[in-house]
C-alpha atoms as a PDB file:
ATOM      1  CA  MET A   1      -1.340  22.577  14.391  1.00  0.00           C
ATOM      2  CA  ASN A   2      -3.352  19.572  12.248  1.00  0.00           C
ATOM      3  CA  MET A   3      -1.452  16.747  10.856  1.00  0.00           C
ATOM      4  CA  VAL A   4      -3.322  13.567   9.442  1.00  0.00           C
ATOM      5  CA  VAL A   5      -2.133  10.851   9.202  1.00  0.00           C
ATOM      6  CA  GLY A   6      -3.131   7.573   6.342  1.00  0.00           C
ATOM      7  CA  VAL A   7      -2.026   4.121   7.345  1.00  0.00           C
ATOM      8  CA  SER A   8      -3.916   1.966   4.498  1.00  0.00           C
ATOM      9  CA  CYS A   9      -2.956  -2.817   4.225  1.00  0.00           C
ATOM     10  CA  ILE A  10      -3.513  -4.121   0.298  1.00  0.00           C
ATOM     11  CA  GLU A  11      -3.795  -7.768   0.187  1.00  0.00           C
ATOM     12  CA  ILE A  12      -2.797  -8.992  -2.841  1.00  0.00           C
ATOM     13  CA  PHE A  13      -2.971 -12.641  -4.781  1.00  0.00           C
ATOM     14  CA  PHE A  14      -0.035 -13.316  -7.182  1.00  0.00           C
ATOM     15  CA  PRO A  15      -2.058 -15.900  -9.481  1.00  0.00           C
ATOM     16  CA  GLU A  16       1.135 -16.346 -11.625  1.00  0.00           C
ATOM     17  CA  CYS A  17       4.016 -17.261  -8.396  1.00  0.00           C
ATOM     18  CA  GLN A  18       5.008 -20.188  -8.384  1.00  0.00           C
ATOM     19  CA  SER A  19       7.778 -20.068  -5.553  1.00  0.00           C
ATOM     20  CA  LEU A  20       8.495 -17.709  -2.379  1.00  0.00           C
ATOM     21  CA  LYS A  21      10.800 -16.100  -4.990  1.00  0.00           C
ATOM     22  CA  ASP A  22       9.026 -15.218  -7.395  1.00  0.00           C
ATOM     23  CA  LYS A  23       6.564 -13.722  -5.179  1.00  0.00           C
ATOM     24  CA  ARG A  24       9.487 -11.626  -3.412  1.00  0.00           C
ATOM     25  CA  GLN A  25      10.605 -10.404  -6.574  1.00  0.00           C
ATOM     26  CA  MET A  26       6.721  -8.900  -7.203  1.00  0.00           C
ATOM     27  CA  ILE A  27       6.537  -7.892  -3.814  1.00  0.00           C
ATOM     28  CA  LYS A  28      10.134  -5.801  -4.574  1.00  0.00           C
ATOM     29  CA  LYS A  29       8.777  -4.269  -7.676  1.00  0.00           C
ATOM     30  CA  ILE A  30       5.553  -2.840  -6.107  1.00  0.00           C
ATOM     31  CA  VAL A  31       7.440  -1.511  -3.141  1.00  0.00           C
ATOM     32  CA  GLU A  32       9.886   0.298  -5.075  1.00  0.00           C
ATOM     33  CA  LYS A  33       7.881   1.299  -8.230  1.00  0.00           C
ATOM     34  CA  THR A  34       4.914   2.913  -5.171  1.00  0.00           C
ATOM     35  CA  ARG A  35       7.819   4.211  -3.037  1.00  0.00           C
ATOM     36  CA  GLY A  36       9.551   5.970  -6.024  1.00  0.00           C
ATOM     37  CA  LYS A  37       6.093   7.251  -7.303  1.00  0.00           C
ATOM     38  CA  PHE A  38       4.869   8.699  -3.998  1.00  0.00           C
ATOM     39  CA  ASN A  39       7.719   8.867  -1.403  1.00  0.00           C
ATOM     40  CA  ILE A  40       5.460   7.083   1.095  1.00  0.00           C
ATOM     41  CA  SER A  41       7.360   4.526   3.817  1.00  0.00           C
ATOM     42  CA  ILE A  42       5.810   0.655   2.156  1.00  0.00           C
ATOM     43  CA  ILE A  43       6.923  -2.427   3.255  1.00  0.00           C
ATOM     44  CA  GLU A  44       5.510  -6.026   3.154  1.00  0.00           C
ATOM     45  CA  VAL A  45       3.130  -6.827   6.522  1.00  0.00           C
ATOM     46  CA  ARG A  46       2.328 -10.337   7.908  1.00  0.00           C
ATOM     47  CA  GLN A  47       5.063 -12.444   6.070  1.00  0.00           C
ATOM     48  CA  THR A  48       3.964 -15.781   5.328  1.00  0.00           C
ATOM     49  CA  ASN A  49       5.263 -18.546   3.226  1.00  0.00           C
ATOM     50  CA  LEU A  50       2.403 -18.722   1.212  1.00  0.00           C
ATOM     51  CA  TRP A  51       4.192 -17.641  -2.028  1.00  0.00           C
ATOM     52  CA  GLN A  52       0.822 -16.614  -3.854  1.00  0.00           C
ATOM     53  CA  ARG A  53      -0.458 -13.655  -1.561  1.00  0.00           C
ATOM     54  CA  ALA A  54       1.041 -10.836   0.626  1.00  0.00           C
ATOM     55  CA  SER A  55      -0.109  -7.693   2.392  1.00  0.00           C
ATOM     56  CA  ILE A  56       1.502  -4.536   1.807  1.00  0.00           C
ATOM     57  CA  GLY A  57       1.224  -1.860   4.185  1.00  0.00           C
ATOM     58  CA  PHE A  58       2.118   1.878   3.394  1.00  0.00           C
ATOM     59  CA  ALA A  59       1.616   5.325   5.431  1.00  0.00           C
ATOM     60  CA  LEU A  60       1.717   8.954   4.688  1.00  0.00           C
ATOM     61  CA  MET A  61       0.736  12.418   5.767  1.00  0.00           C
ATOM     62  CA  GLY A  62      -0.562  15.684   5.202  1.00  0.00           C
ATOM     63  CA  VAL A  63      -2.885  18.469   6.381  1.00  0.00           C
ATOM     64  CA  ASN A  64      -5.605  17.845   5.327  1.00  0.00           C
ATOM     65  CA  ARG A  65      -8.424  14.025   5.193  1.00  0.00           C
ATOM     66  CA  ASP A  66      -9.595  14.776   1.408  1.00  0.00           C
ATOM     67  CA  HIS A  67      -5.589  15.301   0.663  1.00  0.00           C
ATOM     68  CA  VAL A  68      -4.304  12.575   2.367  1.00  0.00           C
ATOM     69  CA  ASP A  69      -7.600  10.438   1.082  1.00  0.00           C
ATOM     70  CA  SER A  70      -7.063  11.216  -2.178  1.00  0.00           C
ATOM     71  CA  ALA A  71      -3.080   9.947  -1.938  1.00  0.00           C
ATOM     72  CA  VAL A  72      -4.329   6.813  -0.561  1.00  0.00           C
ATOM     73  CA  GLU A  73      -7.315   5.902  -3.336  1.00  0.00           C
ATOM     74  CA  LYS A  74      -4.308   7.153  -6.023  1.00  0.00           C
ATOM     75  CA  ILE A  75      -2.039   4.905  -4.161  1.00  0.00           C
ATOM     76  CA  HIS A  76      -4.359   1.701  -4.436  1.00  0.00           C
ATOM     77  CA  ARG A  77      -4.934   2.617  -8.111  1.00  0.00           C
ATOM     78  CA  HIS A  78      -1.166   2.584  -8.880  1.00  0.00           C
ATOM     79  CA  ILE A  79      -0.196  -0.904  -7.250  1.00  0.00           C
ATOM     80  CA  GLU A  80      -3.552  -2.168  -8.873  1.00  0.00           C
ATOM     81  CA  SER A  81      -2.606  -0.555 -12.520  1.00  0.00           C
ATOM     82  CA  LEU A  82       1.148  -2.275 -12.202  1.00  0.00           C
ATOM     83  CA  TYR A  83      -1.055  -5.801 -12.802  1.00  0.00           C
ATOM     84  CA  LEU A  84       1.880  -8.086 -11.036  1.00  0.00           C
ATOM     85  CA  GLY A  85      -1.298  -9.243  -8.875  1.00  0.00           C
ATOM     86  CA  GLU A  86      -4.852  -9.206  -8.186  1.00  0.00           C
ATOM     87  CA  ILE A  87      -5.658  -6.488  -4.955  1.00  0.00           C
ATOM     88  CA  ILE A  88      -8.023  -8.709  -3.121  1.00  0.00           C
ATOM     89  CA  ASN A  89      -9.031  -6.672   0.138  1.00  0.00           C
ATOM     90  CA  THR A  90      -7.965  -3.156   1.203  1.00  0.00           C
ATOM     91  CA  TRP A  91      -7.995  -1.472   5.138  1.00  0.00           C
ATOM     92  CA  THR A  92      -7.471   2.530   5.009  1.00  0.00           C
ATOM     93  CA  GLU A  93      -7.757   3.950   8.310  1.00  0.00           C
ATOM     94  CA  ILE A  94      -7.405   8.034   8.634  1.00  0.00           C
ATOM     95  CA  ILE A  95      -6.129   9.658  11.744  1.00  0.00           C
ATOM     96  CA  VAL A  96      -6.681  13.189  12.543  1.00  0.00           C
ATOM     97  CA  MET A  97      -4.485  14.883  15.018  1.00  0.00           C
ATOM     98  CA  GLY A  98      -5.240  18.635  16.525  1.00  0.00           C
ATOM     99  CA  ASN A  99      -8.885  20.864  14.713  1.00  0.00           C
ATOM    100  CA  GLU A 100      -9.267  19.775  10.972  1.00  0.00           C
ATOM    101  CA  VAL A 101      -9.941  23.299   9.182  1.00  0.00           C
END
């Protein structure tokens, strides 16, 4: 049996945010819209008191690496297309468990 897990973290800059409340609202929109569209696990990670920066992490599983790689890229593009903030960095790790065919 084969299982592939994709884990990614996106660092986002929110130039329009003037408070932590503004930031929380932006994160909530990103998380809800992305979770609804892709049915993935997604949360804010590395919570800080910086009101113009956030790190959002997500994870997904599949049966082949190409599918998981493609899905991660689609999710990155989706978050960017929401135009709520500027993606300033991403980190992704793909873990293959078992013998990939």
